[in-house]
Amino acid sequence: MPPYRSFEEPPVLEAFFSALLVLVCVGVLAFAGVTVKKLYQGQR
């Protein structure tokens, strides 16, 4: 038995990390969009 279990992780954990990564990406994009909107409105 190898000490590392990278290939034996349950699919639930993988799905959880995938969903977390998607949420982080969406949050960053939303934050960037709001910041750009504020800067664009401030320049007018």
C-alpha atoms as a PDB file:
ATOM      1  CA  MET A   1       0.000   0.000   0.000  1.00  0.00           C
ATOM      2  CA  PRO A   2       1.536   3.335  -1.024  1.00  0.00           C
ATOM      3  CA  PRO A   3       1.386   6.064   1.632  1.00  0.00           C
ATOM      4  CA  TYR A   4      -0.259   8.494  -0.752  1.00  0.00           C
ATOM      5  CA  ARG A   5      -3.862   7.978  -1.865  1.00  0.00           C
ATOM      6  CA  SER A   6      -4.136  10.531  -4.671  1.00  0.00           C
ATOM      7  CA  PHE A   7      -5.857   7.996  -6.936  1.00  0.00           C
ATOM      8  CA  GLU A   8      -8.137   6.610  -4.213  1.00  0.00           C
ATOM      9  CA  GLU A   9      -9.911   9.820  -3.237  1.00  0.00           C
ATOM     10  CA  PRO A  10     -13.704   9.538  -3.076  1.00  0.00           C
ATOM     11  CA  PRO A  11     -15.564  11.237  -5.954  1.00  0.00           C
ATOM     12  CA  VAL A  12     -17.497  13.342  -3.416  1.00  0.00           C
ATOM     13  CA  LEU A  13     -14.319  15.127  -2.333  1.00  0.00           C
ATOM     14  CA  GLU A  14     -13.304  15.692  -5.957  1.00  0.00           C
ATOM     15  CA  ALA A  15     -16.741  17.117  -6.789  1.00  0.00           C
ATOM     16  CA  PHE A  16     -16.577  19.338  -3.693  1.00  0.00           C
ATOM     17  CA  PHE A  17     -13.209  20.785  -4.723  1.00  0.00           C
ATOM     18  CA  SER A  18     -14.416  21.240  -8.298  1.00  0.00           C
ATOM     19  CA  ALA A  19     -17.504  23.131  -7.112  1.00  0.00           C
ATOM     20  CA  LEU A  20     -15.356  25.206  -4.752  1.00  0.00           C
ATOM     21  CA  LEU A  21     -12.987  26.087  -7.609  1.00  0.00           C
ATOM     22  CA  VAL A  22     -15.921  27.118  -9.814  1.00  0.00           C
ATOM     23  CA  LEU A  23     -17.396  29.255  -7.021  1.00  0.00           C
ATOM     24  CA  VAL A  24     -14.039  30.964  -6.468  1.00  0.00           C
ATOM     25  CA  CYS A  25     -13.679  31.689 -10.199  1.00  0.00           C
ATOM     26  CA  VAL A  26     -17.220  33.098 -10.398  1.00  0.00           C
ATOM     27  CA  GLY A  27     -16.626  35.214  -7.294  1.00  0.00           C
ATOM     28  CA  VAL A  28     -13.386  36.644  -8.669  1.00  0.00           C
ATOM     29  CA  LEU A  29     -15.029  37.429 -12.021  1.00  0.00           C
ATOM     30  CA  ALA A  30     -17.994  39.096 -10.297  1.00  0.00           C
ATOM     31  CA  PHE A  31     -15.667  41.133  -8.067  1.00  0.00           C
ATOM     32  CA  ALA A  32     -13.604  42.211 -11.089  1.00  0.00           C
ATOM     33  CA  GLY A  33     -16.777  43.148 -12.980  1.00  0.00           C
ATOM     34  CA  VAL A  34     -18.075  45.288 -10.102  1.00  0.00           C
ATOM     35  CA  THR A  35     -14.680  46.985  -9.735  1.00  0.00           C
ATOM     36  CA  VAL A  36     -14.527  47.768 -13.468  1.00  0.00           C
ATOM     37  CA  LYS A  37     -18.085  49.117 -13.381  1.00  0.00           C
ATOM     38  CA  LYS A  38     -17.273  51.381 -10.428  1.00  0.00           C
ATOM     39  CA  LEU A  39     -14.100  52.652 -12.112  1.00  0.00           C
ATOM     40  CA  TYR A  40     -15.947  53.200 -15.405  1.00  0.00           C
ATOM     41  CA  GLN A  41     -18.760  55.126 -13.712  1.00  0.00           C
ATOM     42  CA  GLY A  42     -16.223  57.145 -11.700  1.00  0.00           C
ATOM     43  CA  GLN A  43     -14.397  58.268 -14.846  1.00  0.00           C
ATOM     44  CA  ARG A  44     -17.591  59.652 -16.414  1.00  0.00           C
END
